[in-house]
Amino acid sequence: KLPFTFGGYAGTQIYGFNNHSYWGIFFGGEAAYHIMLPPEKLDVYAVTRIGGNIPFVKPGIYWEPEYFHVGEAIGAYWYFGKNFGLNLEIGYPFSKFGVSFKF
């Protein structure tokens, strides 16, 4: 098995501050390098992302959304069986926590 994976992502951002709000979607592609550690159920990786944002509600004069982004993150999967696990990823332009399914 090669230690590299390639994939995509999409999501939504919603937040507000000082009577200004923002709502938009983000999307892009990513490449990850997986670090093989001794516990077989643990998968640690570093990821590089490139993507864009489409704002639907702009927050006003205090902040301009980033229409293009490049980012990095570190993360880990912990599998409870062959097909199900938990995922935690910390980085830029977003961090995430979720479940993972292998097919």
PDB file of N, CA and C in Angstrom:
ATOM      1  N   LYS A   1       0.839  -1.195   0.000  1.00  0.00           N
ATOM      2  CA  LYS A   1       0.000   0.000   0.000  1.00  0.00           C
ATOM      3  C   LYS A   1       0.875   1.246   0.000  1.00  0.00           C
ATOM      4  N   LEU A   2       0.502   2.204  -0.834  1.00  0.00           N
ATOM      5  CA  LEU A   2       1.198   3.484  -0.833  1.00  0.00           C
ATOM      6  C   LEU A   2       0.692   4.340   0.325  1.00  0.00           C
ATOM      7  N   PRO A   3       1.544   5.189   0.895  1.00  0.00           N
ATOM      8  CA  PRO A   3       1.113   6.012   2.027  1.00  0.00           C
ATOM      9  C   PRO A   3       0.380   7.289   1.607  1.00  0.00           C
ATOM     10  N   PHE A   4       0.079   7.466   0.313  1.00  0.00           N
ATOM     11  CA  PHE A   4      -0.600   8.678  -0.155  1.00  0.00           C
ATOM     12  C   PHE A   4      -2.051   8.388  -0.489  1.00  0.00           C
ATOM     13  N   THR A   5      -2.936   9.354  -0.166  1.00  0.00           N
ATOM     14  CA  THR A   5      -4.328   9.299  -0.599  1.00  0.00           C
ATOM     15  C   THR A   5      -4.708  10.653  -1.171  1.00  0.00           C
ATOM     16  N   PHE A   6      -5.689  10.645  -2.057  1.00  0.00           N
ATOM     17  CA  PHE A   6      -6.169  11.862  -2.694  1.00  0.00           C
ATOM     18  C   PHE A   6      -7.684  11.872  -2.607  1.00  0.00           C
ATOM     19  N   GLY A   7      -8.257  13.043  -2.382  1.00  0.00           N
ATOM     20  CA  GLY A   7      -9.704  13.126  -2.253  1.00  0.00           C
ATOM     21  C   GLY A   7     -10.199  14.552  -2.380  1.00  0.00           C
ATOM     22  N   GLY A   8     -11.453  14.744  -2.025  1.00  0.00           N
ATOM     23  CA  GLY A   8     -12.069  16.058  -2.081  1.00  0.00           C
ATOM     24  C   GLY A   8     -12.847  16.339  -0.819  1.00  0.00           C
ATOM     25  N   TYR A   9     -13.303  17.565  -0.696  1.00  0.00           N
ATOM     26  CA  TYR A   9     -14.096  17.966   0.462  1.00  0.00           C
ATOM     27  C   TYR A   9     -15.072  19.058   0.062  1.00  0.00           C
ATOM     28  N   ALA A  10     -16.132  19.198   0.826  1.00  0.00           N
ATOM     29  CA  ALA A  10     -17.124  20.260   0.640  1.00  0.00           C
ATOM     30  C   ALA A  10     -17.819  20.466   1.975  1.00  0.00           C
ATOM     31  N   GLY A  11     -18.257  21.683   2.223  1.00  0.00           N
ATOM     32  CA  GLY A  11     -18.938  21.982   3.483  1.00  0.00           C
ATOM     33  C   GLY A  11     -19.530  23.367   3.453  1.00  0.00           C
ATOM     34  N   THR A  12     -20.050  23.786   4.576  1.00  0.00           N
ATOM     35  CA  THR A  12     -20.638  25.108   4.705  1.00  0.00           C
ATOM     36  C   THR A  12     -20.052  25.819   5.911  1.00  0.00           C
ATOM     37  N   GLN A  13     -19.964  27.142   5.817  1.00  0.00           N
ATOM     38  CA  GLN A  13     -19.499  27.982   6.921  1.00  0.00           C
ATOM     39  C   GLN A  13     -20.612  28.961   7.253  1.00  0.00           C
ATOM     40  N   ILE A  14     -20.927  29.039   8.537  1.00  0.00           N
ATOM     41  CA  ILE A  14     -21.948  29.972   9.007  1.00  0.00           C
ATOM     42  C   ILE A  14     -21.456  30.560  10.322  1.00  0.00           C
ATOM     43  N   TYR A  15     -21.342  31.877  10.401  1.00  0.00           N
ATOM     44  CA  TYR A  15     -20.993  32.522  11.657  1.00  0.00           C
ATOM     45  C   TYR A  15     -21.333  33.997  11.599  1.00  0.00           C
ATOM     46  N   GLY A  16     -21.304  34.650  12.766  1.00  0.00           N
ATOM     47  CA  GLY A  16     -21.620  36.063  12.853  1.00  0.00           C
ATOM     48  C   GLY A  16     -20.822  36.734  13.944  1.00  0.00           C
ATOM     49  N   PHE A  17     -20.632  38.051  13.796  1.00  0.00           N
ATOM     50  CA  PHE A  17     -19.945  38.845  14.808  1.00  0.00           C
ATOM     51  C   PHE A  17     -20.310  40.309  14.600  1.00  0.00           C
ATOM     52  N   ASN A  18     -20.463  41.065  15.665  1.00  0.00           N
ATOM     53  CA  ASN A  18     -20.741  42.510  15.631  1.00  0.00           C
ATOM     54  C   ASN A  18     -21.815  42.880  14.613  1.00  0.00           C
ATOM     55  N   ASN A  19     -22.966  42.217  14.671  1.00  0.00           N
ATOM     56  CA  ASN A  19     -24.086  42.464  13.764  1.00  0.00           C
ATOM     57  C   ASN A  19     -23.762  42.202  12.298  1.00  0.00           C
ATOM     58  N   HIS A  20     -22.750  41.425  12.023  1.00  0.00           N
ATOM     59  CA  HIS A  20     -22.409  41.007  10.667  1.00  0.00           C
ATOM     60  C   HIS A  20     -22.443  39.486  10.641  1.00  0.00           C
ATOM     61  N   SER A  21     -22.911  38.930   9.553  1.00  0.00           N
ATOM     62  CA  SER A  21     -22.963  37.482   9.449  1.00  0.00           C
ATOM     63  C   SER A  21     -22.357  37.036   8.121  1.00  0.00           C
ATOM     64  N   TYR A  22     -22.011  35.762   8.068  1.00  0.00           N
ATOM     65  CA  TYR A  22     -21.445  35.185   6.858  1.00  0.00           C
ATOM     66  C   TYR A  22     -22.048  33.811   6.664  1.00  0.00           C
ATOM     67  N   TRP A  23     -22.352  33.497   5.427  1.00  0.00           N
ATOM     68  CA  TRP A  23     -22.811  32.170   5.062  1.00  0.00           C
ATOM     69  C   TRP A  23     -22.265  31.849   3.683  1.00  0.00           C
ATOM     70  N   GLY A  24     -21.680  30.687   3.540  1.00  0.00           N
ATOM     71  CA  GLY A  24     -21.137  30.289   2.250  1.00  0.00           C
ATOM     72  C   GLY A  24     -20.766  28.820   2.243  1.00  0.00           C
ATOM     73  N   ILE A  25     -20.355  28.350   1.076  1.00  0.00           N
ATOM     74  CA  ILE A  25     -19.893  26.979   0.958  1.00  0.00           C
ATOM     75  C   ILE A  25     -18.421  26.981   0.580  1.00  0.00           C
ATOM     76  N   PHE A  26     -17.725  25.912   0.932  1.00  0.00           N
ATOM     77  CA  PHE A  26     -16.330  25.769   0.542  1.00  0.00           C
ATOM     78  C   PHE A  26     -16.134  24.367  -0.041  1.00  0.00           C
ATOM     79  N   PHE A  27     -15.120  24.219  -0.872  1.00  0.00           N
ATOM     80  CA  PHE A  27     -14.884  22.962  -1.577  1.00  0.00           C
ATOM     81  C   PHE A  27     -13.434  22.911  -2.028  1.00  0.00           C
ATOM     82  N   GLY A  28     -12.957  21.740  -2.376  1.00  0.00           N
ATOM     83  CA  GLY A  28     -11.600  21.634  -2.881  1.00  0.00           C
ATOM     84  C   GLY A  28     -11.103  20.208  -2.927  1.00  0.00           C
ATOM     85  N   GLY A  29      -9.819  20.076  -3.196  1.00  0.00           N
ATOM     86  CA  GLY A  29      -9.161  18.782  -3.246  1.00  0.00           C
ATOM     87  C   GLY A  29      -8.056  18.715  -2.216  1.00  0.00           C
ATOM     88  N   GLU A  30      -7.655  17.503  -1.856  1.00  0.00           N
ATOM     89  CA  GLU A  30      -6.613  17.338  -0.861  1.00  0.00           C
ATOM     90  C   GLU A  30      -5.775  16.101  -1.150  1.00  0.00           C
ATOM     91  N   ALA A  31      -4.538  16.158  -0.687  1.00  0.00           N
ATOM     92  CA  ALA A  31      -3.607  15.031  -0.773  1.00  0.00           C
ATOM     93  C   ALA A  31      -3.059  14.795   0.635  1.00  0.00           C
ATOM     94  N   ALA A  32      -3.022  13.532   1.053  1.00  0.00           N
ATOM     95  CA  ALA A  32      -2.587  13.200   2.409  1.00  0.00           C
ATOM     96  C   ALA A  32      -1.451  12.185   2.374  1.00  0.00           C
ATOM     97  N   TYR A  33      -0.554  12.314   3.341  1.00  0.00           N
ATOM     98  CA  TYR A  33       0.519  11.351   3.557  1.00  0.00           C
ATOM     99  C   TYR A  33       0.242  10.654   4.883  1.00  0.00           C
ATOM    100  N   HIS A  34       0.071   9.343   4.845  1.00  0.00           N
ATOM    101  CA  HIS A  34      -0.279   8.569   6.035  1.00  0.00           C
ATOM    102  C   HIS A  34       0.984   7.996   6.675  1.00  0.00           C
ATOM    103  N   ILE A  35       1.072   8.170   7.988  1.00  0.00           N
ATOM    104  CA  ILE A  35       2.218   7.704   8.762  1.00  0.00           C
ATOM    105  C   ILE A  35       1.829   6.392   9.421  1.00  0.00           C
ATOM    106  N   MET A  36       2.517   5.342   9.073  1.00  0.00           N
ATOM    107  CA  MET A  36       2.190   4.020   9.597  1.00  0.00           C
ATOM    108  C   MET A  36       2.776   3.849  10.994  1.00  0.00           C
ATOM    109  N   LEU A  37       1.893   3.778  11.996  1.00  0.00           N
ATOM    110  CA  LEU A  37       2.301   3.591  13.382  1.00  0.00           C
ATOM    111  C   LEU A  37       1.953   2.171  13.832  1.00  0.00           C
ATOM    112  N   PRO A  38       2.577   1.689  14.904  1.00  0.00           N
ATOM    113  CA  PRO A  38       2.347   0.306  15.344  1.00  0.00           C
ATOM    114  C   PRO A  38       0.899  -0.075  15.638  1.00  0.00           C
ATOM    115  N   PRO A  39       0.071   0.728  16.319  1.00  0.00           N
ATOM    116  CA  PRO A  39      -1.306   0.245  16.505  1.00  0.00           C
ATOM    117  C   PRO A  39      -2.017   0.196  15.149  1.00  0.00           C
ATOM    118  N   GLU A  40      -2.477  -0.980  14.744  1.00  0.00           N
ATOM    119  CA  GLU A  40      -3.101  -1.132  13.431  1.00  0.00           C
ATOM    120  C   GLU A  40      -4.393  -0.339  13.300  1.00  0.00           C
ATOM    121  N   LYS A  41      -5.052  -0.058  14.410  1.00  0.00           N
ATOM    122  CA  LYS A  41      -6.313   0.677  14.352  1.00  0.00           C
ATOM    123  C   LYS A  41      -6.113   2.190  14.253  1.00  0.00           C
ATOM    124  N   LEU A  42      -4.884   2.679  14.389  1.00  0.00           N
ATOM    125  CA  LEU A  42      -4.587   4.109  14.354  1.00  0.00           C
ATOM    126  C   LEU A  42      -3.982   4.481  13.007  1.00  0.00           C
ATOM    127  N   ASP A  43      -4.533   5.511  12.378  1.00  0.00           N
ATOM    128  CA  ASP A  43      -4.032   6.041  11.112  1.00  0.00           C
ATOM    129  C   ASP A  43      -3.788   7.534  11.297  1.00  0.00           C
ATOM    130  N   VAL A  44      -2.520   7.952  11.366  1.00  0.00           N
ATOM    131  CA  VAL A  44      -2.139   9.358  11.536  1.00  0.00           C
ATOM    132  C   VAL A  44      -1.682   9.870  10.182  1.00  0.00           C
ATOM    133  N   TYR A  45      -2.032  11.122   9.857  1.00  0.00           N
ATOM    134  CA  TYR A  45      -1.702  11.646   8.536  1.00  0.00           C
ATOM    135  C   TYR A  45      -1.518  13.160   8.562  1.00  0.00           C
ATOM    136  N   ALA A  46      -0.852  13.662   7.536  1.00  0.00           N
ATOM    137  CA  ALA A  46      -0.717  15.095   7.270  1.00  0.00           C
ATOM    138  C   ALA A  46      -1.355  15.350   5.906  1.00  0.00           C
ATOM    139  N   VAL A  47      -2.088  16.452   5.781  1.00  0.00           N
ATOM    140  CA  VAL A  47      -2.843  16.717   4.554  1.00  0.00           C
ATOM    141  C   VAL A  47      -2.582  18.137   4.057  1.00  0.00           C
ATOM    142  N   THR A  48      -2.556  18.293   2.736  1.00  0.00           N
ATOM    143  CA  THR A  48      -2.461  19.601   2.079  1.00  0.00           C
ATOM    144  C   THR A  48      -3.722  19.788   1.246  1.00  0.00           C
ATOM    145  N   ARG A  49      -4.309  20.996   1.331  1.00  0.00           N
ATOM    146  CA  ARG A  49      -5.572  21.276   0.648  1.00  0.00           C
ATOM    147  C   ARG A  49      -5.445  22.485  -0.280  1.00  0.00           C
ATOM    148  N   ILE A  50      -6.256  22.485  -1.325  1.00  0.00           N
ATOM    149  CA  ILE A  50      -6.408  23.651  -2.186  1.00  0.00           C
ATOM    150  C   ILE A  50      -7.875  23.705  -2.598  1.00  0.00           C
ATOM    151  N   GLY A  51      -8.489  24.888  -2.484  1.00  0.00           N
ATOM    152  CA  GLY A  51      -9.913  24.977  -2.773  1.00  0.00           C
ATOM    153  C   GLY A  51     -10.409  26.400  -2.843  1.00  0.00           C
ATOM    154  N   GLY A  52     -11.723  26.533  -2.782  1.00  0.00           N
ATOM    155  CA  GLY A  52     -12.345  27.842  -2.898  1.00  0.00           C
ATOM    156  C   GLY A  52     -13.583  27.965  -2.033  1.00  0.00           C
ATOM    157  N   ASN A  53     -14.068  29.200  -1.931  1.00  0.00           N
ATOM    158  CA  ASN A  53     -15.279  29.530  -1.168  1.00  0.00           C
ATOM    159  C   ASN A  53     -16.241  30.279  -2.073  1.00  0.00           C
ATOM    160  N   ILE A  54     -17.536  30.032  -1.884  1.00  0.00           N
ATOM    161  CA  ILE A  54     -18.575  30.799  -2.561  1.00  0.00           C
ATOM    162  C   ILE A  54     -19.439  31.422  -1.476  1.00  0.00           C
ATOM    163  N   PRO A  55     -19.323  32.740  -1.235  1.00  0.00           N
ATOM    164  CA  PRO A  55     -20.148  33.375  -0.203  1.00  0.00           C
ATOM    165  C   PRO A  55     -21.549  33.680  -0.726  1.00  0.00           C
ATOM    166  N   PHE A  56     -22.562  33.458   0.121  1.00  0.00           N
ATOM    167  CA  PHE A  56     -23.926  33.809  -0.222  1.00  0.00           C
ATOM    168  C   PHE A  56     -24.385  35.041   0.548  1.00  0.00           C
ATOM    169  N   VAL A  57     -23.863  35.240   1.751  1.00  0.00           N
ATOM    170  CA  VAL A  57     -24.140  36.442   2.548  1.00  0.00           C
ATOM    171  C   VAL A  57     -22.793  36.969   3.003  1.00  0.00           C
ATOM    172  N   LYS A  58     -22.407  38.133   2.521  1.00  0.00           N
ATOM    173  CA  LYS A  58     -21.122  38.718   2.906  1.00  0.00           C
ATOM    174  C   LYS A  58     -21.277  39.519   4.191  1.00  0.00           C
ATOM    175  N   PRO A  59     -20.244  39.560   5.035  1.00  0.00           N
ATOM    176  CA  PRO A  59     -20.365  40.203   6.337  1.00  0.00           C
ATOM    177  C   PRO A  59     -20.238  41.719   6.336  1.00  0.00           C
ATOM    178  N   GLY A  60     -19.919  42.343   5.268  1.00  0.00           N
ATOM    179  CA  GLY A  60     -19.840  43.804   5.274  1.00  0.00           C
ATOM    180  C   GLY A  60     -18.433  44.323   5.088  1.00  0.00           C
ATOM    181  N   ILE A  61     -18.195  45.554   5.555  1.00  0.00           N
ATOM    182  CA  ILE A  61     -16.937  46.244   5.270  1.00  0.00           C
ATOM    183  C   ILE A  61     -15.774  45.795   6.133  1.00  0.00           C
ATOM    184  N   TYR A  62     -16.019  45.059   7.202  1.00  0.00           N
ATOM    185  CA  TYR A  62     -14.945  44.704   8.134  1.00  0.00           C
ATOM    186  C   TYR A  62     -14.156  43.466   7.730  1.00  0.00           C
ATOM    187  N   TRP A  63     -14.689  42.698   6.805  1.00  0.00           N
ATOM    188  CA  TRP A  63     -14.029  41.449   6.449  1.00  0.00           C
ATOM    189  C   TRP A  63     -14.422  41.055   5.042  1.00  0.00           C
ATOM    190  N   GLU A  64     -13.472  40.629   4.265  1.00  0.00           N
ATOM    191  CA  GLU A  64     -13.720  40.144   2.910  1.00  0.00           C
ATOM    192  C   GLU A  64     -13.451  38.638   2.889  1.00  0.00           C
ATOM    193  N   PRO A  65     -14.360  37.820   2.395  1.00  0.00           N
ATOM    194  CA  PRO A  65     -14.142  36.373   2.407  1.00  0.00           C
ATOM    195  C   PRO A  65     -12.995  35.979   1.487  1.00  0.00           C
ATOM    196  N   GLU A  66     -12.346  34.884   1.816  1.00  0.00           N
ATOM    197  CA  GLU A  66     -11.298  34.333   0.969  1.00  0.00           C
ATOM    198  C   GLU A  66     -11.961  33.459  -0.088  1.00  0.00           C
ATOM    199  N   TYR A  67     -11.836  33.832  -1.340  1.00  0.00           N
ATOM    200  CA  TYR A  67     -12.448  33.058  -2.413  1.00  0.00           C
ATOM    201  C   TYR A  67     -11.583  31.860  -2.802  1.00  0.00           C
ATOM    202  N   PHE A  68     -10.310  31.894  -2.450  1.00  0.00           N
ATOM    203  CA  PHE A  68      -9.364  30.844  -2.765  1.00  0.00           C
ATOM    204  C   PHE A  68      -8.559  30.550  -1.507  1.00  0.00           C
ATOM    205  N   HIS A  69      -8.324  29.288  -1.204  1.00  0.00           N
ATOM    206  CA  HIS A  69      -7.533  28.970  -0.022  1.00  0.00           C
ATOM    207  C   HIS A  69      -6.606  27.778  -0.271  1.00  0.00           C
ATOM    208  N   VAL A  70      -5.494  27.811   0.420  1.00  0.00           N
ATOM    209  CA  VAL A  70      -4.524  26.721   0.479  1.00  0.00           C
ATOM    210  C   VAL A  70      -4.290  26.458   1.953  1.00  0.00           C
ATOM    211  N   GLY A  71      -4.308  25.215   2.369  1.00  0.00           N
ATOM    212  CA  GLY A  71      -4.159  24.931   3.791  1.00  0.00           C
ATOM    213  C   GLY A  71      -3.521  23.590   4.062  1.00  0.00           C
ATOM    214  N   GLU A  72      -3.253  23.371   5.333  1.00  0.00           N
ATOM    215  CA  GLU A  72      -2.634  22.138   5.804  1.00  0.00           C
ATOM    216  C   GLU A  72      -3.295  21.712   7.102  1.00  0.00           C
ATOM    217  N   ALA A  73      -3.161  20.432   7.413  1.00  0.00           N
ATOM    218  CA  ALA A  73      -3.735  19.906   8.651  1.00  0.00           C
ATOM    219  C   ALA A  73      -3.014  18.622   9.040  1.00  0.00           C
ATOM    220  N   ILE A  74      -3.193  18.261  10.306  1.00  0.00           N
ATOM    221  CA  ILE A  74      -2.776  16.940  10.786  1.00  0.00           C
ATOM    222  C   ILE A  74      -4.033  16.266  11.337  1.00  0.00           C
ATOM    223  N   GLY A  75      -4.077  14.970  11.223  1.00  0.00           N
ATOM    224  CA  GLY A  75      -5.271  14.278  11.672  1.00  0.00           C
ATOM    225  C   GLY A  75      -5.005  12.829  11.992  1.00  0.00           C
ATOM    226  N   ALA A  76      -6.059  12.175  12.476  1.00  0.00           N
ATOM    227  CA  ALA A  76      -5.954  10.761  12.829  1.00  0.00           C
ATOM    228  C   ALA A  76      -7.322  10.098  12.724  1.00  0.00           C
ATOM    229  N   TYR A  77      -7.298   8.843  12.306  1.00  0.00           N
ATOM    230  CA  TYR A  77      -8.461   7.964  12.342  1.00  0.00           C
ATOM    231  C   TYR A  77      -8.191   6.888  13.391  1.00  0.00           C
ATOM    232  N   TRP A  78      -9.226   6.520  14.123  1.00  0.00           N
ATOM    233  CA  TRP A  78      -9.145   5.364  15.018  1.00  0.00           C
ATOM    234  C   TRP A  78     -10.293   4.439  14.618  1.00  0.00           C
ATOM    235  N   TYR A  79      -9.941   3.253  14.126  1.00  0.00           N
ATOM    236  CA  TYR A  79     -10.953   2.312  13.646  1.00  0.00           C
ATOM    237  C   TYR A  79     -11.339   1.331  14.743  1.00  0.00           C
ATOM    238  N   PHE A  80     -12.644   1.159  14.923  1.00  0.00           N
ATOM    239  CA  PHE A  80     -13.179   0.232  15.913  1.00  0.00           C
ATOM    240  C   PHE A  80     -13.412  -1.147  15.325  1.00  0.00           C
ATOM    241  N   GLY A  81     -13.377  -1.260  14.034  1.00  0.00           N
ATOM    242  CA  GLY A  81     -13.534  -2.517  13.314  1.00  0.00           C
ATOM    243  C   GLY A  81     -12.922  -2.343  11.934  1.00  0.00           C
ATOM    244  N   LYS A  82     -13.281  -3.210  11.000  1.00  0.00           N
ATOM    245  CA  LYS A  82     -12.735  -3.104   9.652  1.00  0.00           C
ATOM    246  C   LYS A  82     -13.303  -1.919   8.881  1.00  0.00           C
ATOM    247  N   ASN A  83     -14.539  -1.508   9.191  1.00  0.00           N
ATOM    248  CA  ASN A  83     -15.221  -0.527   8.355  1.00  0.00           C
ATOM    249  C   ASN A  83     -15.667   0.754   9.053  1.00  0.00           C
ATOM    250  N   PHE A  84     -15.496   0.893  10.364  1.00  0.00           N
ATOM    251  CA  PHE A  84     -16.028   2.048  11.090  1.00  0.00           C
ATOM    252  C   PHE A  84     -14.960   2.647  11.997  1.00  0.00           C
ATOM    253  N   GLY A  85     -14.868   3.992  11.999  1.00  0.00           N
ATOM    254  CA  GLY A  85     -13.906   4.658  12.861  1.00  0.00           C
ATOM    255  C   GLY A  85     -14.281   6.100  13.142  1.00  0.00           C
ATOM    256  N   LEU A  86     -13.508   6.745  14.012  1.00  0.00           N
ATOM    257  CA  LEU A  86     -13.660   8.168  14.319  1.00  0.00           C
ATOM    258  C   LEU A  86     -12.491   8.932  13.709  1.00  0.00           C
ATOM    259  N   ASN A  87     -12.734  10.200  13.379  1.00  0.00           N
ATOM    260  CA  ASN A  87     -11.726  11.025  12.730  1.00  0.00           C
ATOM    261  C   ASN A  87     -11.647  12.375  13.420  1.00  0.00           C
ATOM    262  N   LEU A  88     -10.423  12.860  13.663  1.00  0.00           N
ATOM    263  CA  LEU A  88     -10.171  14.191  14.202  1.00  0.00           C
ATOM    264  C   LEU A  88      -9.080  14.822  13.354  1.00  0.00           C
ATOM    265  N   GLU A  89      -9.327  16.056  12.903  1.00  0.00           N
ATOM    266  CA  GLU A  89      -8.365  16.752  12.053  1.00  0.00           C
ATOM    267  C   GLU A  89      -8.299  18.219  12.481  1.00  0.00           C
ATOM    268  N   ILE A  90      -7.081  18.730  12.661  1.00  0.00           N
ATOM    269  CA  ILE A  90      -6.877  20.106  13.098  1.00  0.00           C
ATOM    270  C   ILE A  90      -5.997  20.796  12.073  1.00  0.00           C
ATOM    271  N   GLY A  91      -6.475  21.942  11.554  1.00  0.00           N
ATOM    272  CA  GLY A  91      -5.690  22.651  10.556  1.00  0.00           C
ATOM    273  C   GLY A  91      -6.380  23.877  10.011  1.00  0.00           C
ATOM    274  N   TYR A  92      -5.904  24.323   8.857  1.00  0.00           N
ATOM    275  CA  TYR A  92      -6.442  25.499   8.180  1.00  0.00           C
ATOM    276  C   TYR A  92      -6.842  25.106   6.774  1.00  0.00           C
ATOM    277  N   PRO A  93      -7.915  25.513   6.209  1.00  0.00           N
ATOM    278  CA  PRO A  93      -8.856  26.542   6.637  1.00  0.00           C
ATOM    279  C   PRO A  93      -9.970  26.031   7.531  1.00  0.00           C
ATOM    280  N   PHE A  94      -9.947  24.745   7.909  1.00  0.00           N
ATOM    281  CA  PHE A  94     -10.967  24.236   8.825  1.00  0.00           C
ATOM    282  C   PHE A  94     -10.410  23.055   9.602  1.00  0.00           C
ATOM    283  N   SER A  95     -11.064  22.750  10.714  1.00  0.00           N
ATOM    284  CA  SER A  95     -10.802  21.557  11.508  1.00  0.00           C
ATOM    285  C   SER A  95     -12.087  20.740  11.514  1.00  0.00           C
ATOM    286  N   LYS A  96     -11.977  19.455  11.768  1.00  0.00           N
ATOM    287  CA  LYS A  96     -13.187  18.626  11.729  1.00  0.00           C
ATOM    288  C   LYS A  96     -13.097  17.460  12.689  1.00  0.00           C
ATOM    289  N   PHE A  97     -14.252  16.951  13.064  1.00  0.00           N
ATOM    290  CA  PHE A  97     -14.410  15.754  13.864  1.00  0.00           C
ATOM    291  C   PHE A  97     -15.560  14.982  13.246  1.00  0.00           C
ATOM    292  N   GLY A  98     -15.424  13.683  13.067  1.00  0.00           N
ATOM    293  CA  GLY A  98     -16.507  12.934  12.459  1.00  0.00           C
ATOM    294  C   GLY A  98     -16.297  11.446  12.513  1.00  0.00           C
ATOM    295  N   VAL A  99     -17.151  10.748  11.796  1.00  0.00           N
ATOM    296  CA  VAL A  99     -17.074   9.296  11.685  1.00  0.00           C
ATOM    297  C   VAL A  99     -16.546   8.939  10.298  1.00  0.00           C
ATOM    298  N   SER A 100     -16.001   7.740  10.182  1.00  0.00           N
ATOM    299  CA  SER A 100     -15.420   7.280   8.934  1.00  0.00           C
ATOM    300  C   SER A 100     -15.925   5.884   8.619  1.00  0.00           C
ATOM    301  N   PHE A 101     -16.255   5.668   7.349  1.00  0.00           N
ATOM    302  CA  PHE A 101     -16.691   4.369   6.878  1.00  0.00           C
ATOM    303  C   PHE A 101     -15.794   3.933   5.729  1.00  0.00           C
ATOM    304  N   LYS A 102     -15.304   2.699   5.776  1.00  0.00           N
ATOM    305  CA  LYS A 102     -14.512   2.117   4.683  1.00  0.00           C
ATOM    306  C   LYS A 102     -15.416   1.197   3.873  1.00  0.00           C
ATOM    307  N   PHE A 103     -15.318   1.295   2.560  1.00  0.00           N
ATOM    308  CA  PHE A 103     -16.110   0.422   1.677  1.00  0.00           C
ATOM    309  C   PHE A 103     -15.197  -0.470   0.885  1.00  0.00           C
TER     310      PHE A 103
END
